[in-house]
Amino acid sequence: HGELRAFGLLLPGSTLADAVQRWGDDLQVALIASRGQPVALEAYTERWSGGGITGKLVLATDAQSAAVTRWQERSTRHERIDADAQRWGLRPEDRDDALRSRIVGLSFLPSSKVDAATLQARFGAPVEVVVGEGRTRHWLYPDRGLAIAWDEASGKAVLQVVLATEFESRLRAPVLAAAAALQASAAAPAVAPPR
């Protein structure tokens, strides 16, 4: 019916304030920039647990880029998370503003390894499988608004959920663009060093 209920949140409708009310201090709200992506407002909890499964839960928001840029410029805390990501803390007055942002997507990173049989038993056969970097496979379920990035070698997975009406723009299109870029770089001829 154009709605999605997952992890106790309702899309559309739930805001970061609703998530903070649900998880309290376990929910961290910050500006995050991952490799090649613009800075975005996210919230995450490292210790989500439900139905016998634990992992990290990340909430994506609809925060406007102008507001995100303003909050980033005003931030007094900046840190590198790893080689591919950075985080900026929010000033208290900016955090209050940020908590009004609507949640538009959820990502869950299970703590335990999973295999193809487990994924298929839980979610069924994907409508489409896209080959990603290394041994990563993207299992796509457009009718559910679900995309699963699963690494065959490590057994690590990331489950992403959005409204089914936003599946194409928020999940499938970026996966296909990344896959096309990988194919293009693999097909490019090696350039000999200058003499």
C-alpha atoms as a PDB file:
ATOM      1  CA  HIS A   1       0.000   0.000   0.000  1.00  0.00           C
ATOM      2  CA  GLY A   2       2.935   2.345  -0.595  1.00  0.00           C
ATOM      3  CA  GLU A   3       4.281   1.879   2.942  1.00  0.00           C
ATOM      4  CA  LEU A   4       7.115  -0.105   4.422  1.00  0.00           C
ATOM      5  CA  ARG A   5       7.494  -1.203   8.025  1.00  0.00           C
ATOM      6  CA  ALA A   6      10.934  -2.492   9.006  1.00  0.00           C
ATOM      7  CA  PHE A   7      12.984  -2.452  12.211  1.00  0.00           C
ATOM      8  CA  GLY A   8      10.056  -0.807  13.997  1.00  0.00           C
ATOM      9  CA  LEU A   9      10.050   2.183  11.630  1.00  0.00           C
ATOM     10  CA  LEU A  10       7.516   3.244   9.015  1.00  0.00           C
ATOM     11  CA  LEU A  11       8.466   4.593   5.603  1.00  0.00           C
ATOM     12  CA  PRO A  12       7.311   7.127   4.653  1.00  0.00           C
ATOM     13  CA  GLY A  13       6.701   8.850   7.937  1.00  0.00           C
ATOM     14  CA  SER A  14       9.358   8.023  10.525  1.00  0.00           C
ATOM     15  CA  THR A  15      11.956  10.694  11.286  1.00  0.00           C
ATOM     16  CA  LEU A  16      15.346  10.499  12.950  1.00  0.00           C
ATOM     17  CA  ALA A  17      13.631  11.826  16.084  1.00  0.00           C
ATOM     18  CA  ASP A  18      11.432   8.695  16.043  1.00  0.00           C
ATOM     19  CA  ALA A  19      14.530   6.507  15.745  1.00  0.00           C
ATOM     20  CA  VAL A  20      16.240   8.340  18.630  1.00  0.00           C
ATOM     21  CA  GLN A  21      13.123   7.822  20.724  1.00  0.00           C
ATOM     22  CA  ARG A  22      13.315   4.098  19.924  1.00  0.00           C
ATOM     23  CA  TRP A  23      17.069   3.519  20.447  1.00  0.00           C
ATOM     24  CA  GLY A  24      18.132   6.452  22.627  1.00  0.00           C
ATOM     25  CA  ASP A  25      21.869   6.941  23.093  1.00  0.00           C
ATOM     26  CA  ASP A  26      22.616   3.756  21.110  1.00  0.00           C
ATOM     27  CA  LEU A  27      21.720   5.679  17.953  1.00  0.00           C
ATOM     28  CA  GLN A  28      24.538   7.879  16.650  1.00  0.00           C
ATOM     29  CA  VAL A  29      23.627  10.753  14.307  1.00  0.00           C
ATOM     30  CA  ALA A  30      26.402  12.167  12.121  1.00  0.00           C
ATOM     31  CA  LEU A  31      27.439  13.336   8.670  1.00  0.00           C
ATOM     32  CA  ILE A  32      29.142  10.524   6.760  1.00  0.00           C
ATOM     33  CA  ALA A  33      31.113  10.567   3.512  1.00  0.00           C
ATOM     34  CA  SER A  34      32.018   7.233   1.938  1.00  0.00           C
ATOM     35  CA  ARG A  35      34.416   6.686  -0.947  1.00  0.00           C
ATOM     36  CA  GLY A  36      33.202   8.594  -4.001  1.00  0.00           C
ATOM     37  CA  GLN A  37      29.905   9.625  -2.379  1.00  0.00           C
ATOM     38  CA  PRO A  38      28.772  13.068  -1.222  1.00  0.00           C
ATOM     39  CA  VAL A  39      28.424  13.809   2.490  1.00  0.00           C
ATOM     40  CA  ALA A  40      25.063  12.617   3.840  1.00  0.00           C
ATOM     41  CA  LEU A  41      23.189  12.689   7.130  1.00  0.00           C
ATOM     42  CA  GLU A  42      22.975   9.181   8.602  1.00  0.00           C
ATOM     43  CA  ALA A  43      22.109   7.576  11.876  1.00  0.00           C
ATOM     44  CA  TYR A  44      23.372   4.188  12.999  1.00  0.00           C
ATOM     45  CA  THR A  45      23.415   1.784  15.887  1.00  0.00           C
ATOM     46  CA  GLU A  46      26.225  -0.734  16.169  1.00  0.00           C
ATOM     47  CA  ARG A  47      24.185  -3.191  18.242  1.00  0.00           C
ATOM     48  CA  TRP A  48      20.776  -3.852  16.715  1.00  0.00           C
ATOM     49  CA  SER A  49      19.289  -7.173  17.781  1.00  0.00           C
ATOM     50  CA  GLY A  50      16.052  -8.857  16.780  1.00  0.00           C
ATOM     51  CA  GLY A  51      14.780 -12.321  15.939  1.00  0.00           C
ATOM     52  CA  GLY A  52      18.058 -13.886  17.039  1.00  0.00           C
ATOM     53  CA  ILE A  53      20.067 -11.777  14.589  1.00  0.00           C
ATOM     54  CA  THR A  54      22.484  -9.017  15.549  1.00  0.00           C
ATOM     55  CA  GLY A  55      24.288  -6.430  13.491  1.00  0.00           C
ATOM     56  CA  LYS A  56      24.687  -2.783  12.609  1.00  0.00           C
ATOM     57  CA  LEU A  57      21.672  -0.768  11.462  1.00  0.00           C
ATOM     58  CA  VAL A  58      22.163   2.370   9.346  1.00  0.00           C
ATOM     59  CA  LEU A  59      19.371   4.838   8.539  1.00  0.00           C
ATOM     60  CA  ALA A  60      19.500   7.024   5.413  1.00  0.00           C
ATOM     61  CA  THR A  61      17.631  10.334   5.403  1.00  0.00           C
ATOM     62  CA  ASP A  62      16.146  12.884   3.031  1.00  0.00           C
ATOM     63  CA  ALA A  63      18.238  15.748   4.475  1.00  0.00           C
ATOM     64  CA  GLN A  64      18.755  18.395   1.798  1.00  0.00           C
ATOM     65  CA  SER A  65      22.299  18.882   0.477  1.00  0.00           C
ATOM     66  CA  ALA A  66      22.330  22.598   1.383  1.00  0.00           C
ATOM     67  CA  ALA A  67      21.551  21.783   5.024  1.00  0.00           C
ATOM     68  CA  VAL A  68      24.133  18.975   5.081  1.00  0.00           C
ATOM     69  CA  THR A  69      26.786  21.342   3.683  1.00  0.00           C
ATOM     70  CA  ARG A  70      25.901  23.973   6.301  1.00  0.00           C
ATOM     71  CA  TRP A  71      26.106  21.407   9.134  1.00  0.00           C
ATOM     72  CA  GLN A  72      29.416  20.083   7.801  1.00  0.00           C
ATOM     73  CA  GLU A  73      30.921  23.599   7.650  1.00  0.00           C
ATOM     74  CA  ARG A  74      29.799  24.299  11.235  1.00  0.00           C
ATOM     75  CA  SER A  75      30.975  20.954  12.631  1.00  0.00           C
ATOM     76  CA  THR A  76      33.684  21.049  15.295  1.00  0.00           C
ATOM     77  CA  ARG A  77      34.394  17.297  15.190  1.00  0.00           C
ATOM     78  CA  HIS A  78      35.821  15.505  12.175  1.00  0.00           C
ATOM     79  CA  GLU A  79      37.387  12.063  12.050  1.00  0.00           C
ATOM     80  CA  ARG A  80      38.471   9.501   9.512  1.00  0.00           C
ATOM     81  CA  ILE A  81      36.592   6.238  10.080  1.00  0.00           C
ATOM     82  CA  ASP A  82      38.768   4.174   7.743  1.00  0.00           C
ATOM     83  CA  ALA A  83      40.498   4.540   4.374  1.00  0.00           C
ATOM     84  CA  ASP A  84      37.138   4.969   2.638  1.00  0.00           C
ATOM     85  CA  ALA A  85      34.973   6.974   5.035  1.00  0.00           C
ATOM     86  CA  GLN A  86      34.890  10.145   7.162  1.00  0.00           C
ATOM     87  CA  ARG A  87      32.511  11.363   9.869  1.00  0.00           C
ATOM     88  CA  TRP A  88      31.548  14.862  11.092  1.00  0.00           C
ATOM     89  CA  GLY A  89      29.725  15.428  14.372  1.00  0.00           C
ATOM     90  CA  LEU A  90      26.762  17.785  14.590  1.00  0.00           C
ATOM     91  CA  ARG A  91      26.553  20.849  16.799  1.00  0.00           C
ATOM     92  CA  PRO A  92      23.602  20.604  19.258  1.00  0.00           C
ATOM     93  CA  GLU A  93      21.486  23.171  17.393  1.00  0.00           C
ATOM     94  CA  ASP A  94      22.190  21.453  14.058  1.00  0.00           C
ATOM     95  CA  ARG A  95      21.371  18.045  15.550  1.00  0.00           C
ATOM     96  CA  ASP A  96      17.948  19.303  16.602  1.00  0.00           C
ATOM     97  CA  ASP A  97      17.352  20.423  13.013  1.00  0.00           C
ATOM     98  CA  ALA A  98      18.702  17.136  11.607  1.00  0.00           C
ATOM     99  CA  LEU A  99      16.377  15.017  13.762  1.00  0.00           C
ATOM    100  CA  ARG A 100      13.424  16.364  11.766  1.00  0.00           C
ATOM    101  CA  SER A 101      14.768  14.607   8.640  1.00  0.00           C
ATOM    102  CA  ARG A 102      12.673  11.739   7.314  1.00  0.00           C
ATOM    103  CA  ILE A 103      14.118   8.248   7.056  1.00  0.00           C
ATOM    104  CA  VAL A 104      14.137   7.068   3.435  1.00  0.00           C
ATOM    105  CA  GLY A 105      16.156   3.852   3.653  1.00  0.00           C
ATOM    106  CA  LEU A 106      17.555   1.296   6.054  1.00  0.00           C
ATOM    107  CA  SER A 107      20.711  -0.807   5.772  1.00  0.00           C
ATOM    108  CA  PHE A 108      21.431  -3.800   7.979  1.00  0.00           C
ATOM    109  CA  LEU A 109      24.864  -5.419   8.253  1.00  0.00           C
ATOM    110  CA  PRO A 110      24.530  -8.802  10.025  1.00  0.00           C
ATOM    111  CA  SER A 111      27.306  -9.644  12.491  1.00  0.00           C
ATOM    112  CA  SER A 112      27.416 -13.264  11.391  1.00  0.00           C
ATOM    113  CA  LYS A 113      28.389 -14.636   8.029  1.00  0.00           C
ATOM    114  CA  VAL A 114      25.633 -15.802   5.709  1.00  0.00           C
ATOM    115  CA  ASP A 115      25.595 -18.155   2.750  1.00  0.00           C
ATOM    116  CA  ALA A 116      23.531 -18.240  -0.426  1.00  0.00           C
ATOM    117  CA  ALA A 117      21.277 -21.018   0.902  1.00  0.00           C
ATOM    118  CA  THR A 118      20.385 -18.978   4.007  1.00  0.00           C
ATOM    119  CA  LEU A 119      19.634 -15.867   1.961  1.00  0.00           C
ATOM    120  CA  GLN A 120      17.519 -17.813  -0.509  1.00  0.00           C
ATOM    121  CA  ALA A 121      15.633 -19.627   2.271  1.00  0.00           C
ATOM    122  CA  ARG A 122      14.808 -16.306   3.944  1.00  0.00           C
ATOM    123  CA  PHE A 123      14.115 -14.079   0.937  1.00  0.00           C
ATOM    124  CA  GLY A 124      13.552 -16.444  -1.999  1.00  0.00           C
ATOM    125  CA  ALA A 125      15.220 -16.230  -5.377  1.00  0.00           C
ATOM    126  CA  PRO A 126      16.175 -12.697  -6.400  1.00  0.00           C
ATOM    127  CA  VAL A 127      14.541 -11.159  -9.456  1.00  0.00           C
ATOM    128  CA  GLU A 128      17.986 -10.062 -10.672  1.00  0.00           C
ATOM    129  CA  VAL A 129      21.602 -10.717  -9.683  1.00  0.00           C
ATOM    130  CA  VAL A 130      24.262  -8.133 -10.599  1.00  0.00           C
ATOM    131  CA  VAL A 131      27.954  -8.949 -10.377  1.00  0.00           C
ATOM    132  CA  GLY A 132      29.864  -6.453  -8.258  1.00  0.00           C
ATOM    133  CA  GLU A 133      33.469  -5.911  -7.282  1.00  0.00           C
ATOM    134  CA  GLY A 134      35.492  -9.006  -6.404  1.00  0.00           C
ATOM    135  CA  ARG A 135      33.127 -11.794  -5.368  1.00  0.00           C
ATOM    136  CA  THR A 136      30.260  -9.488  -4.439  1.00  0.00           C
ATOM    137  CA  ARG A 137      26.835 -10.263  -5.844  1.00  0.00           C
ATOM    138  CA  HIS A 138      23.865  -7.896  -5.615  1.00  0.00           C
ATOM    139  CA  TRP A 139      20.583  -9.754  -5.143  1.00  0.00           C
ATOM    140  CA  LEU A 140      17.719  -7.483  -6.168  1.00  0.00           C
ATOM    141  CA  TYR A 141      14.078  -7.782  -5.046  1.00  0.00           C
ATOM    142  CA  PRO A 142      12.286  -4.743  -6.553  1.00  0.00           C
ATOM    143  CA  ASP A 143       8.794  -5.714  -5.349  1.00  0.00           C
ATOM    144  CA  ARG A 144      10.074  -5.705  -1.752  1.00  0.00           C
ATOM    145  CA  GLY A 145      12.323  -2.662  -2.081  1.00  0.00           C
ATOM    146  CA  LEU A 146      15.205  -4.927  -1.010  1.00  0.00           C
ATOM    147  CA  ALA A 147      18.770  -5.219  -2.291  1.00  0.00           C
ATOM    148  CA  ILE A 148      21.317  -7.563  -0.732  1.00  0.00           C
ATOM    149  CA  ALA A 149      25.023  -7.051  -1.388  1.00  0.00           C
ATOM    150  CA  TRP A 150      26.636 -10.384  -0.511  1.00  0.00           C
ATOM    151  CA  ASP A 151      30.315 -11.319  -0.698  1.00  0.00           C
ATOM    152  CA  GLU A 152      30.676 -15.002  -1.574  1.00  0.00           C
ATOM    153  CA  ALA A 153      34.222 -15.182  -0.213  1.00  0.00           C
ATOM    154  CA  SER A 154      33.678 -13.620   3.227  1.00  0.00           C
ATOM    155  CA  GLY A 155      29.984 -14.364   3.762  1.00  0.00           C
ATOM    156  CA  LYS A 156      29.403 -10.717   4.692  1.00  0.00           C
ATOM    157  CA  ALA A 157      26.165  -9.102   3.618  1.00  0.00           C
ATOM    158  CA  VAL A 158      24.461  -5.713   3.555  1.00  0.00           C
ATOM    159  CA  LEU A 159      20.667  -5.658   3.300  1.00  0.00           C
ATOM    160  CA  GLN A 160      19.191  -2.374   2.059  1.00  0.00           C
ATOM    161  CA  VAL A 161      15.483  -1.549   2.218  1.00  0.00           C
ATOM    162  CA  VAL A 162      13.623   1.369   0.624  1.00  0.00           C
ATOM    163  CA  LEU A 163      10.080   1.961  -0.553  1.00  0.00           C
ATOM    164  CA  ALA A 164       9.378  -0.253  -3.578  1.00  0.00           C
ATOM    165  CA  THR A 165       8.506   2.887  -5.566  1.00  0.00           C
ATOM    166  CA  GLU A 166      12.038   4.216  -4.926  1.00  0.00           C
ATOM    167  CA  PHE A 167      13.848   0.933  -5.559  1.00  0.00           C
ATOM    168  CA  GLU A 168      14.960   1.794  -9.093  1.00  0.00           C
ATOM    169  CA  SER A 169      16.442   5.206  -8.252  1.00  0.00           C
ATOM    170  CA  ARG A 170      17.877   4.498  -4.800  1.00  0.00           C
ATOM    171  CA  LEU A 171      19.135   0.913  -5.161  1.00  0.00           C
ATOM    172  CA  ARG A 172      19.076  -0.631  -8.643  1.00  0.00           C
ATOM    173  CA  ALA A 173      20.398   2.331 -10.664  1.00  0.00           C
ATOM    174  CA  PRO A 174      23.474   2.871  -8.423  1.00  0.00           C
ATOM    175  CA  VAL A 175      24.255  -0.878  -8.472  1.00  0.00           C
ATOM    176  CA  LEU A 176      24.013  -1.005 -12.274  1.00  0.00           C
ATOM    177  CA  ALA A 177      26.134   2.148 -12.633  1.00  0.00           C
ATOM    178  CA  ALA A 178      28.855   0.672 -10.397  1.00  0.00           C
ATOM    179  CA  ALA A 179      28.751  -2.629 -12.311  1.00  0.00           C
ATOM    180  CA  ALA A 180      29.050  -0.792 -15.643  1.00  0.00           C
ATOM    181  CA  ALA A 181      32.028   1.191 -14.338  1.00  0.00           C
ATOM    182  CA  LEU A 182      33.714  -2.057 -13.233  1.00  0.00           C
ATOM    183  CA  GLN A 183      33.146  -3.622 -16.641  1.00  0.00           C
ATOM    184  CA  ALA A 184      34.482  -0.531 -18.399  1.00  0.00           C
ATOM    185  CA  SER A 185      37.654  -0.473 -16.306  1.00  0.00           C
ATOM    186  CA  ALA A 186      38.183  -4.202 -16.819  1.00  0.00           C
ATOM    187  CA  ALA A 187      37.741  -3.812 -20.600  1.00  0.00           C
ATOM    188  CA  ALA A 188      40.044  -0.767 -20.878  1.00  0.00           C
ATOM    189  CA  PRO A 189      43.387  -1.622 -22.471  1.00  0.00           C
ATOM    190  CA  ALA A 190      46.412  -1.419 -20.238  1.00  0.00           C
ATOM    191  CA  VAL A 191      48.418   1.729 -20.888  1.00  0.00           C
ATOM    192  CA  ALA A 192      52.129   1.221 -21.253  1.00  0.00           C
ATOM    193  CA  PRO A 193      54.287   3.520 -19.117  1.00  0.00           C
ATOM    194  CA  PRO A 194      56.033   6.333 -21.054  1.00  0.00           C
ATOM    195  CA  ARG A 195      59.601   5.697 -22.135  1.00  0.00           C
END
